[in-house]
Amino acid sequence: MLFIAQGRRRRKPNAVLKKALQSSPRFTDAHLSAAEHIRVAEMYHYGRHEVVQDTARAMHHYREALAGGESRANMHVGILLYESSGPADECVACLLRAVGAGHHAALLHLGRVYEFGMIPRHHSDRLIAREIYRIASLSPDADVAREARTRGADIMASGASDEWVKGAAPLPPTVLTELRRVWNPEGTIPGPAQNEFRHRNAVHHRPRAPPRRRFNILAEQPVDIEAMVFQAPEMRIRNDSQNVHDSTVMAGTNAALRKLADKGYSTDGDTKATVVEMINASSLDSAGKENALRVLQSLGNDEHSRYGKSEQDALALVCARIEDPVNTENRAVLSDMLAQNLADNVVDGMIMCSSGKINRLTQTLQVLDADQTLVDIKPKWAVREEIADNASKVRDDVLGGLTDEERKGYDDDTDTTAAGRMRDALTQQCRKSYVEAGILSEEQLEAELSPFLTEF
C-alpha cells in the first residue's frame, strides 16, 4: 500500500515511493488526499524524485486533485496544456482559475503563454504579455512580483516582434478582461488571498463585495482534462519547457548565429544528406536516430522572428562550421553532438517548437568547437550565478589590497572609496562579458547588477 504522509518526518524514502508509483499508480487513489494527488501528479509531470515522466498519469492525479477541491491543480493543468500545444482557450482558462483562487505564480505562466505563443497553432502577443506581467508585478508575493518585473523589462529591452507562423491564429484576446474580473490590478485580490493581502499590509478595511460571479461560475464547472489533451491527435509540436525561451539564451543564440554568418558560411544548398550520414554514424540507439531524422525532416524555411534565420539556415551554418578545417580534429564529436541535439527535440513523442530547434542546433558548437568563445549560450540563472561569483571575487581582490586604515573605513562605512572600486570593477567585467557579447543589454545588465552593487 502506498501512503504519502503530509509531514516531512513521515514521508517515505524516494526510492520506495518511486517503486510504488511505477508499479501501480492508481490502486491507492482512495488513500490519497487532494494535496497528495497534487504531489504525485507533479512527480509524473515534472519527473521529480527520479520518477519517470508520464503525462497521462499526471493528468489523472490532477483530475483527482481538482475533484477534491485542490484549486492549485488548475495552474499545473494550464502548464501541461501549454507544453503540449493543447487547446489555447482551455489553457488560458485553467491559468485564470488558478489566479482567481489566489495562486499568483499562475500569472507568470499566463504571461509566458502570450509572450511565446503556442506554436504552431497560435502566435505570440507580447503587448498582452507585458500587461499581464505589469499586473503580476503588483502581487503581494515578492517572488512573483520580482520575476514579473524582470520579464516585463526583458520584453521591452529585447524589442522582439511576435513569433508568427503561417496559418497561426491569435491567442484568446479577452484574457485581460477576464484577468481583471478575478484580480483587480490595483492590488485587491479576490479569493483566498484577499485577507492575507490585507493582513500583510495592515490595512483597516470594511467588508467588500465578493468578486463578480460570472467568472466564478466558470471556475466551478467540472474540467474534462483528458478531453482537452487526449482528443487532439493532430498536435505535433510541443512548446519547449526548458530554457530556450529565456531571454539570455535567445540573446546568446542570436549572437552565435550572427558570428557564424559573419564568417561567410553559406546557407544555400541542401545539407540534409550530410546530416543523415552523421545521424546514421552517431552513437544514438535506433529510437534516437529515428527521432533525429524526424526532427531533421521537420526543419522549415520560415524566418524566425527573433533570430532572423530559418531552422534550415541554422542547420546549414552549424554544418558548415563542423566541416570547416579548423574543426578537423573535433569533427567526429561535433557530428555526434549534432545528431544528439536533433534527437533531443522530441519529448513525449512530440517535436519541440522552432525556438527550441534553433537553440539546440546552435548549442552543438558550444565548448566543443575549436573556438570555445564562438558560442556562449547560458540561461539567466547561470548569468546571475556568474555575477554573484564575480562580485565575491572582486570584493576579495579589492579588500586584499587595502591598508588597515582603508579596511577600517570600509567596515565602518566612513570611506566609500573601496566600495566604489568594487562597483567599477564588477560593472566593467560584466559589461565586457555580457553586453559586448550580446547576452544582455545595458538596461538588463543594470537591473541584474543592482542588488550586488548596493551590497558593496
Protein backbone atom coordinates (compact mmCIF):
# COMPACT_ATOMS: atom_id res chain seq x y z
CA MET A 1 0.00 0.00 0.00
CA LEU A 2 1.27 3.45 -0.92
CA PHE A 3 0.90 6.10 1.76
CA ILE A 4 2.21 9.63 1.34
CA ALA A 5 2.28 11.46 4.63
CA GLN A 6 1.68 15.17 4.89
CA GLY A 7 4.51 15.78 7.32
CA ARG A 8 8.17 15.72 6.30
CA ARG A 9 9.14 13.20 9.01
CA ARG A 10 6.58 10.58 7.94
CA ARG A 11 7.35 10.74 4.23
CA LYS A 12 8.54 7.51 2.66
CA PRO A 13 12.03 7.42 1.09
CA ASN A 14 12.11 8.48 -2.54
CA ALA A 15 13.27 5.07 -3.75
CA VAL A 16 10.33 3.31 -2.09
CA LEU A 17 7.89 5.94 -3.37
CA LYS A 18 9.26 5.67 -6.90
CA LYS A 19 8.91 1.88 -6.91
CA ALA A 20 5.35 2.04 -5.63
CA LEU A 21 4.32 4.71 -8.11
CA GLN A 22 5.77 2.88 -11.09
CA SER A 23 4.30 -0.47 -10.09
CA SER A 24 0.68 0.64 -9.64
CA PRO A 25 -0.11 4.33 -9.70
CA ARG A 26 -3.89 4.16 -9.34
CA PHE A 27 -4.92 1.41 -6.95
CA THR A 28 -4.03 3.59 -3.96
CA ASP A 29 -6.15 6.59 -5.04
CA ALA A 30 -8.59 6.04 -2.20
CA HIS A 31 -5.81 6.64 0.30
CA LEU A 32 -4.68 9.96 -1.19
CA SER A 33 -5.95 13.37 -0.23
CA ALA A 34 -6.31 16.13 -2.82
CA ALA A 35 -2.99 17.62 -1.70
CA GLU A 36 -1.29 14.24 -2.04
CA HIS A 37 -2.74 13.81 -5.53
CA ILE A 38 -1.09 17.13 -6.40
CA ARG A 39 2.26 15.89 -5.13
CA VAL A 40 2.04 12.63 -7.08
CA ALA A 41 0.87 14.48 -10.21
CA GLU A 42 3.83 16.86 -10.01
CA MET A 43 6.20 13.90 -9.79
CA TYR A 44 4.82 12.45 -13.01
CA HIS A 45 4.50 15.82 -14.74
CA TYR A 46 7.97 17.17 -13.94
CA GLY A 47 9.87 13.92 -13.33
CA ARG A 48 10.66 14.73 -9.72
CA HIS A 49 12.27 12.32 -7.25
CA GLU A 50 13.56 10.21 -10.15
CA VAL A 51 10.02 9.26 -11.20
CA VAL A 52 9.71 8.75 -14.97
CA GLN A 53 7.62 11.48 -16.61
CA ASP A 54 4.15 10.28 -17.57
CA THR A 55 1.67 12.87 -18.86
CA ALA A 56 -1.34 10.57 -18.69
CA ARG A 57 -0.75 9.66 -15.06
CA ALA A 58 -0.06 13.27 -14.18
CA MET A 59 -3.39 14.28 -15.74
CA HIS A 60 -5.18 11.52 -13.84
CA HIS A 61 -3.90 12.79 -10.49
CA TYR A 62 -4.51 16.44 -11.38
CA ARG A 63 -8.12 15.48 -12.16
CA GLU A 64 -8.44 13.75 -8.79
CA ALA A 65 -6.95 16.80 -7.07
CA LEU A 66 -9.44 19.12 -8.79
CA ALA A 67 -12.30 16.83 -7.81
CA GLY A 68 -11.06 17.11 -4.23
CA GLY A 69 -11.12 20.91 -4.34
CA GLU A 70 -7.38 21.49 -4.83
CA SER A 71 -7.52 24.64 -6.98
CA ARG A 72 -3.73 24.75 -7.43
CA ALA A 73 -4.06 21.87 -9.89
CA ASN A 74 -5.55 24.33 -12.39
CA MET A 75 -2.16 26.02 -12.72
CA HIS A 76 -0.34 22.76 -13.46
CA VAL A 77 -3.00 21.69 -15.95
CA GLY A 78 -2.55 25.01 -17.72
CA ILE A 79 1.21 24.46 -17.82
CA LEU A 80 0.79 20.96 -19.23
CA LEU A 81 -1.64 22.18 -21.89
CA TYR A 82 0.85 24.90 -22.86
CA GLU A 83 3.73 22.43 -23.11
CA SER A 84 1.57 20.09 -25.19
CA SER A 85 0.20 22.80 -27.50
CA GLY A 86 -3.28 21.88 -26.29
CA PRO A 87 -6.43 23.98 -26.71
CA ALA A 88 -5.41 27.58 -26.04
CA ASP A 89 -8.74 28.66 -24.58
CA GLU A 90 -8.67 25.82 -22.04
CA CYS A 91 -5.04 26.52 -21.18
CA VAL A 92 -5.79 30.19 -20.53
CA ALA A 93 -9.00 29.36 -18.62
CA CYS A 94 -7.15 26.97 -16.29
CA LEU A 95 -4.48 29.55 -15.51
CA LEU A 96 -7.14 32.21 -14.89
CA ARG A 97 -8.94 29.86 -12.50
CA ALA A 98 -5.70 29.42 -10.59
CA VAL A 99 -5.22 33.20 -10.40
CA GLY A 100 -8.80 33.62 -9.20
CA ALA A 101 -8.09 31.12 -6.43
CA GLY A 102 -5.12 33.18 -5.25
CA HIS A 103 -2.24 31.26 -6.85
CA HIS A 104 -0.28 34.22 -8.20
CA ALA A 105 2.50 32.16 -9.80
CA ALA A 106 -0.06 31.26 -12.46
CA LEU A 107 0.22 34.86 -13.68
CA LEU A 108 3.82 34.21 -14.72
CA HIS A 109 2.80 31.14 -16.70
CA LEU A 110 -0.08 33.07 -18.27
CA GLY A 111 2.35 35.78 -19.34
CA ARG A 112 4.66 33.13 -20.78
CA VAL A 113 1.84 31.74 -22.93
CA TYR A 114 1.27 35.15 -24.53
CA GLU A 115 4.97 36.05 -24.69
CA PHE A 116 5.97 32.97 -26.70
CA GLY A 117 2.67 31.79 -28.17
CA MET A 118 1.52 28.20 -28.58
CA ILE A 119 3.29 27.31 -31.81
CA PRO A 120 2.18 26.21 -34.39
CA ARG A 121 -1.49 26.94 -33.65
CA HIS A 122 -1.27 30.34 -32.00
CA HIS A 123 1.28 33.12 -32.43
CA SER A 124 2.54 35.25 -29.55
CA ASP A 125 1.17 38.60 -28.38
CA ARG A 126 3.86 40.43 -26.45
CA LEU A 127 1.73 43.53 -25.84
CA ILE A 128 -0.73 41.44 -23.85
CA ALA A 129 2.18 39.60 -22.19
CA ARG A 130 3.64 42.91 -20.99
CA GLU A 131 0.32 43.92 -19.46
CA ILE A 132 -0.02 40.55 -17.72
CA TYR A 133 3.47 40.96 -16.27
CA ARG A 134 2.62 44.51 -15.19
CA ILE A 135 -0.40 43.21 -13.30
CA ALA A 136 1.68 40.38 -11.82
CA SER A 137 4.27 42.91 -10.62
CA LEU A 138 1.61 44.20 -8.18
CA SER A 139 1.33 40.80 -6.49
CA PRO A 140 1.92 40.71 -2.72
CA ASP A 141 4.07 37.65 -3.41
CA ALA A 142 7.51 39.25 -3.62
CA ASP A 143 8.99 36.45 -5.75
CA VAL A 144 6.18 36.66 -8.30
CA ALA A 145 6.35 40.45 -8.41
CA ARG A 146 10.13 40.46 -8.89
CA GLU A 147 10.06 37.86 -11.67
CA ALA A 148 7.20 39.69 -13.40
CA ARG A 149 9.15 42.95 -13.39
CA THR A 150 12.19 41.18 -14.83
CA ARG A 151 10.21 39.52 -17.62
CA GLY A 152 8.41 42.73 -18.49
CA ALA A 153 11.74 44.54 -18.70
CA ASP A 154 13.13 41.76 -20.90
CA ILE A 155 10.29 42.20 -23.41
CA MET A 156 10.86 45.95 -23.57
CA ALA A 157 14.64 45.61 -23.83
CA SER A 158 14.63 42.89 -26.49
CA GLY A 159 12.29 44.77 -28.81
CA ALA A 160 11.47 41.41 -30.41
CA SER A 161 8.40 41.17 -32.58
CA ASP A 162 5.77 38.48 -32.17
CA GLU A 163 6.65 34.97 -33.36
CA TRP A 164 4.48 34.47 -36.44
CA VAL A 165 3.81 31.15 -38.12
CA LYS A 166 1.85 30.82 -41.34
CA GLY A 167 -1.75 29.90 -40.55
CA ALA A 168 -1.41 30.53 -36.81
CA ALA A 169 -4.33 32.16 -35.01
CA PRO A 170 -4.19 34.74 -32.21
CA LEU A 171 -4.46 33.63 -28.60
CA PRO A 172 -7.72 34.46 -26.76
CA PRO A 173 -7.81 38.30 -26.88
CA THR A 174 -10.18 38.67 -23.90
CA VAL A 175 -7.66 37.41 -21.36
CA LEU A 176 -7.06 40.86 -19.83
CA THR A 177 -10.78 41.42 -19.35
CA GLU A 178 -11.12 38.03 -17.65
CA LEU A 179 -7.98 38.64 -15.60
CA ARG A 180 -9.31 41.92 -14.23
CA ARG A 181 -12.52 40.16 -13.23
CA VAL A 182 -10.63 37.81 -10.94
CA TRP A 183 -7.90 40.21 -9.84
CA ASN A 184 -8.12 43.97 -9.54
CA PRO A 185 -4.83 45.34 -10.97
CA GLU A 186 -4.76 47.96 -8.21
CA GLY A 187 -3.95 45.22 -5.74
CA THR A 188 -7.28 43.98 -4.34
CA ILE A 189 -7.16 40.24 -4.79
CA PRO A 190 -10.42 38.27 -4.72
CA GLY A 191 -10.46 34.74 -3.44
CA PRO A 192 -8.47 33.13 -0.59
CA ALA A 193 -5.52 35.51 -0.94
CA GLN A 194 -7.57 38.66 -0.21
CA ASN A 195 -7.47 38.56 3.58
CA GLU A 196 -3.81 37.55 3.58
CA PHE A 197 -3.03 40.56 1.38
CA ARG A 198 -4.88 42.91 3.71
CA HIS A 199 -3.28 41.38 6.79
CA ARG A 200 0.21 41.78 5.36
CA ASN A 201 -0.36 45.42 4.64
CA ALA A 202 -2.18 46.15 7.93
CA VAL A 203 -4.96 47.96 6.11
CA HIS A 204 -8.14 48.75 8.02
CA HIS A 205 -10.99 47.81 5.76
CA ARG A 206 -14.72 47.34 5.64
CA PRO A 207 -16.26 44.17 4.22
CA ARG A 208 -16.27 44.38 0.47
CA ALA A 209 -18.47 42.83 -2.15
CA PRO A 210 -17.28 39.46 -3.44
CA PRO A 211 -15.83 39.17 -6.94
CA ARG A 212 -18.24 39.22 -9.83
CA ARG A 213 -19.88 35.85 -10.22
CA ARG A 214 -19.52 35.45 -13.96
CA PHE A 215 -16.03 34.01 -13.82
CA ASN A 216 -16.56 32.14 -10.55
CA ILE A 217 -19.39 30.15 -12.14
CA LEU A 218 -16.97 29.20 -14.90
CA ALA A 219 -14.36 28.23 -12.32
CA GLU A 220 -16.79 25.86 -10.59
CA GLN A 221 -17.59 23.92 -13.74
CA PRO A 222 -16.06 20.43 -13.97
CA VAL A 223 -12.98 20.22 -16.13
CA ASP A 224 -12.73 17.35 -18.61
CA ILE A 225 -8.94 17.29 -18.62
CA GLU A 226 -8.48 14.13 -20.64
CA ALA A 227 -10.69 15.52 -23.42
CA MET A 228 -8.53 18.64 -23.53
CA VAL A 229 -5.32 16.75 -24.15
CA PHE A 230 -6.02 13.32 -25.49
CA GLN A 231 -8.74 14.14 -28.04
CA ALA A 232 -6.44 16.31 -30.12
CA PRO A 233 -4.46 13.81 -32.25
CA GLU A 234 -3.33 16.49 -34.69
CA MET A 235 -0.95 18.03 -32.12
CA ARG A 236 2.62 17.55 -33.32
CA ILE A 237 4.68 20.37 -31.91
CA ARG A 238 5.36 20.87 -28.23
CA ASN A 239 6.21 24.22 -26.63
CA ASP A 240 9.61 23.84 -25.00
CA SER A 241 9.55 23.75 -21.20
CA GLN A 242 13.33 24.14 -20.93
CA ASN A 243 15.38 27.34 -21.09
CA VAL A 244 15.11 28.00 -24.84
CA HIS A 245 12.76 30.96 -24.32
CA ASP A 246 14.94 32.51 -21.61
CA SER A 247 15.96 36.00 -22.77
CA THR A 248 19.69 35.39 -22.25
CA VAL A 249 19.54 32.02 -24.02
CA MET A 250 17.83 33.64 -27.00
CA ALA A 251 20.33 36.51 -26.99
CA GLY A 252 23.27 34.08 -26.85
CA THR A 253 21.82 32.01 -29.69
CA ASN A 254 21.26 35.14 -31.76
CA ALA A 255 24.83 36.33 -31.15
CA ALA A 256 26.24 32.92 -32.14
CA LEU A 257 24.23 32.83 -35.37
CA ARG A 258 25.47 36.31 -36.26
CA LYS A 259 29.08 35.23 -35.68
CA LEU A 260 28.62 32.21 -37.92
CA ALA A 261 27.03 34.32 -40.65
CA ASP A 262 29.83 36.90 -40.36
CA LYS A 263 32.37 34.14 -41.07
CA GLY A 264 30.86 33.83 -44.54
CA TYR A 265 29.34 30.36 -44.20
CA SER A 266 26.66 29.79 -46.82
CA THR A 267 23.07 28.83 -46.05
CA ASP A 268 22.40 27.83 -49.66
CA GLY A 269 22.19 24.23 -50.76
CA ASP A 270 20.76 21.13 -49.11
CA THR A 271 22.72 19.84 -46.12
CA LYS A 272 20.21 17.17 -45.12
CA ALA A 273 22.02 14.33 -46.91
CA THR A 274 25.19 15.13 -44.96
CA VAL A 275 23.28 15.26 -41.68
CA VAL A 276 21.58 11.93 -42.40
CA GLU A 277 25.05 10.38 -42.67
CA MET A 278 26.01 11.98 -39.34
CA ILE A 279 22.88 10.58 -37.69
CA ASN A 280 23.42 7.05 -39.04
CA ALA A 281 27.04 7.10 -37.86
CA SER A 282 26.20 8.53 -34.43
CA SER A 283 26.17 6.79 -31.06
CA LEU A 284 22.37 7.11 -30.80
CA ASP A 285 20.26 3.99 -30.43
CA SER A 286 17.65 3.15 -33.07
CA ALA A 287 14.90 5.17 -31.34
CA GLY A 288 17.21 8.17 -31.01
CA LYS A 289 18.18 8.01 -34.68
CA GLU A 290 14.52 7.83 -35.65
CA ASN A 291 13.78 10.93 -33.55
CA ALA A 292 16.74 12.80 -35.04
CA LEU A 293 15.56 12.00 -38.57
CA ARG A 294 12.02 13.14 -37.69
CA VAL A 295 13.31 16.49 -36.46
CA LEU A 296 15.59 16.85 -39.49
CA GLN A 297 12.62 16.41 -41.83
CA SER A 298 10.58 18.93 -39.80
CA LEU A 299 13.08 21.79 -40.20
CA GLY A 300 11.40 24.62 -42.06
CA ASN A 301 12.39 27.58 -44.24
CA ASP A 302 10.27 30.23 -42.49
CA GLU A 303 12.35 33.01 -40.96
CA HIS A 304 12.27 33.04 -37.15
CA SER A 305 11.12 36.45 -35.88
CA ARG A 306 13.76 36.58 -33.13
CA TYR A 307 16.77 35.16 -34.93
CA GLY A 308 16.20 36.38 -38.49
CA LYS A 309 17.13 32.90 -39.72
CA SER A 310 15.13 29.82 -40.53
CA GLU A 311 15.63 26.40 -38.95
CA GLN A 312 17.32 25.18 -42.15
CA ASP A 313 19.58 28.26 -42.14
CA ALA A 314 20.72 27.40 -38.61
CA LEU A 315 21.41 23.80 -39.65
CA ALA A 316 23.42 24.95 -42.68
CA LEU A 317 25.54 27.35 -40.60
CA VAL A 318 26.27 24.71 -37.96
CA CYS A 319 27.13 22.06 -40.57
CA ALA A 320 29.40 24.48 -42.41
CA ARG A 321 31.23 25.18 -39.16
CA ILE A 322 31.60 21.47 -38.43
CA GLU A 323 33.06 20.95 -41.93
CA ASP A 324 35.45 23.90 -41.53
CA PRO A 325 39.13 22.80 -41.49
CA VAL A 326 39.57 24.39 -38.05
CA ASN A 327 37.38 21.61 -36.66
CA THR A 328 39.13 18.70 -38.35
CA GLU A 329 40.11 17.16 -35.01
CA ASN A 330 36.69 17.82 -33.46
CA ARG A 331 34.54 16.80 -36.42
CA ALA A 332 33.57 13.35 -35.18
CA VAL A 333 32.43 14.52 -31.74
CA LEU A 334 30.67 17.57 -33.21
CA SER A 335 28.79 15.38 -35.70
CA ASP A 336 27.70 13.07 -32.90
CA MET A 337 26.60 16.04 -30.78
CA LEU A 338 24.54 17.43 -33.68
CA ALA A 339 22.71 14.11 -34.00
CA GLN A 340 22.04 14.01 -30.26
CA ASN A 341 20.77 17.59 -30.21
CA LEU A 342 18.40 16.83 -33.08
CA ALA A 343 17.04 13.81 -31.20
CA ASP A 344 16.62 15.88 -28.02
CA ASN A 345 14.00 17.96 -29.80
CA VAL A 346 11.49 15.12 -29.39
CA VAL A 347 9.82 14.85 -25.99
CA ASP A 348 6.91 12.50 -25.27
CA GLY A 349 6.69 11.81 -28.99
CA MET A 350 6.27 15.48 -29.91
CA ILE A 351 8.71 17.76 -31.70
CA MET A 352 9.76 20.95 -29.92
CA CYS A 353 8.96 24.45 -31.14
CA SER A 354 11.06 26.44 -33.60
CA SER A 355 12.96 28.31 -30.88
CA GLY A 356 13.97 25.03 -29.27
CA LYS A 357 15.19 23.51 -32.53
CA ILE A 358 17.32 26.52 -33.49
CA ASN A 359 18.76 26.81 -30.00
CA ARG A 360 19.77 23.16 -29.78
CA LEU A 361 21.27 23.21 -33.27
CA THR A 362 23.43 26.19 -32.31
CA GLN A 363 24.42 24.67 -28.96
CA THR A 364 26.10 21.83 -30.87
CA LEU A 365 29.18 24.05 -31.18
CA GLN A 366 29.30 25.20 -27.56
CA VAL A 367 32.55 24.16 -25.82
CA LEU A 368 33.33 21.53 -28.49
CA ASP A 369 34.18 23.98 -31.30
CA ALA A 370 37.82 24.86 -31.94
CA ASP A 371 36.97 28.43 -30.89
CA GLN A 372 35.34 27.99 -27.50
CA THR A 373 34.22 31.63 -27.47
CA LEU A 374 32.22 31.26 -30.68
CA VAL A 375 29.06 30.03 -28.95
CA ASP A 376 28.29 31.14 -25.41
CA ILE A 377 24.69 30.34 -24.54
CA LYS A 378 23.58 30.43 -20.93
CA PRO A 379 20.24 30.86 -19.12
CA LYS A 380 19.59 33.84 -16.87
CA TRP A 381 20.05 31.84 -13.66
CA ALA A 382 23.58 30.94 -14.82
CA VAL A 383 24.32 34.59 -15.62
CA ARG A 384 23.17 35.57 -12.14
CA GLU A 385 25.35 32.91 -10.54
CA GLU A 386 28.35 34.12 -12.55
CA ILE A 387 27.70 37.72 -11.49
CA ALA A 388 27.46 36.61 -7.85
CA ASP A 389 30.76 34.72 -8.12
CA ASN A 390 32.45 37.68 -9.82
CA ALA A 391 31.11 40.06 -7.17
CA SER A 392 32.63 37.91 -4.44
CA LYS A 393 35.99 37.74 -6.23
CA VAL A 394 36.05 41.48 -6.89
CA ARG A 395 35.29 42.20 -3.24
CA ASP A 396 38.07 39.88 -2.05
CA ASP A 397 40.56 41.36 -4.54
CA VAL A 398 39.83 44.94 -3.53
CA LEU A 399 39.86 44.18 0.20
CA GLY A 400 43.15 42.31 -0.19
CA GLY A 401 44.81 45.47 -1.48
CA LEU A 402 43.60 47.81 1.27
CA THR A 403 45.66 49.15 4.13
CA ASP A 404 44.45 48.61 7.68
CA GLU A 405 43.16 52.16 7.80
CA GLU A 406 41.29 51.81 4.48
CA ARG A 407 39.81 48.48 5.61
CA LYS A 408 38.58 50.08 8.82
CA GLY A 409 36.98 52.91 6.84
CA TYR A 410 35.26 50.37 4.58
CA ASP A 411 33.96 48.30 7.51
CA ASP A 412 32.71 51.41 9.33
CA ASP A 413 31.12 52.88 6.18
CA THR A 414 33.14 56.05 6.72
CA ASP A 415 35.13 55.65 3.50
CA THR A 416 33.33 54.69 0.27
CA THR A 417 36.44 54.60 -1.90
CA ALA A 418 36.85 50.82 -1.72
CA ALA A 419 33.16 50.23 -2.40
CA GLY A 420 33.41 52.47 -5.46
CA ARG A 421 36.34 50.44 -6.78
CA MET A 422 34.35 47.25 -6.34
CA ARG A 423 31.36 48.66 -8.20
CA ASP A 424 33.51 49.94 -11.06
CA ALA A 425 35.44 46.68 -11.39
CA LEU A 426 32.34 44.47 -11.37
CA THR A 427 30.48 46.71 -13.83
CA GLN A 428 33.44 46.74 -16.22
CA GLN A 429 33.83 42.95 -16.08
CA CYS A 430 30.14 42.28 -16.64
CA ARG A 431 29.82 44.82 -19.45
CA LYS A 432 32.59 43.01 -21.32
CA SER A 433 31.23 39.53 -20.59
CA TYR A 434 27.56 40.15 -21.26
CA VAL A 435 26.86 43.42 -23.07
CA GLU A 436 29.69 43.23 -25.61
CA ALA A 437 28.93 39.54 -26.12
CA GLY A 438 25.29 40.36 -26.91
CA ILE A 439 23.88 38.38 -23.97
CA LEU A 440 22.43 41.37 -22.06
CA SER A 441 21.52 44.91 -22.98
CA GLU A 442 22.79 47.82 -20.88
CA GLU A 443 19.36 48.11 -19.24
CA GLN A 444 19.24 44.39 -18.44
CA LEU A 445 22.77 44.46 -17.04
CA GLU A 446 21.89 47.42 -14.83
CA ALA A 447 18.90 45.51 -13.43
CA GLU A 448 20.98 42.38 -12.77
CA LEU A 449 23.87 44.28 -11.16
CA SER A 450 21.75 46.49 -8.92
CA PRO A 451 21.40 44.09 -5.94
CA PHE A 452 25.14 43.32 -5.98
CA LEU A 453 26.34 46.91 -6.30
CA THR A 454 24.26 48.04 -3.33
CA GLU A 455 25.84 45.36 -1.14
CA PHE A 456 29.43 46.59 -1.58
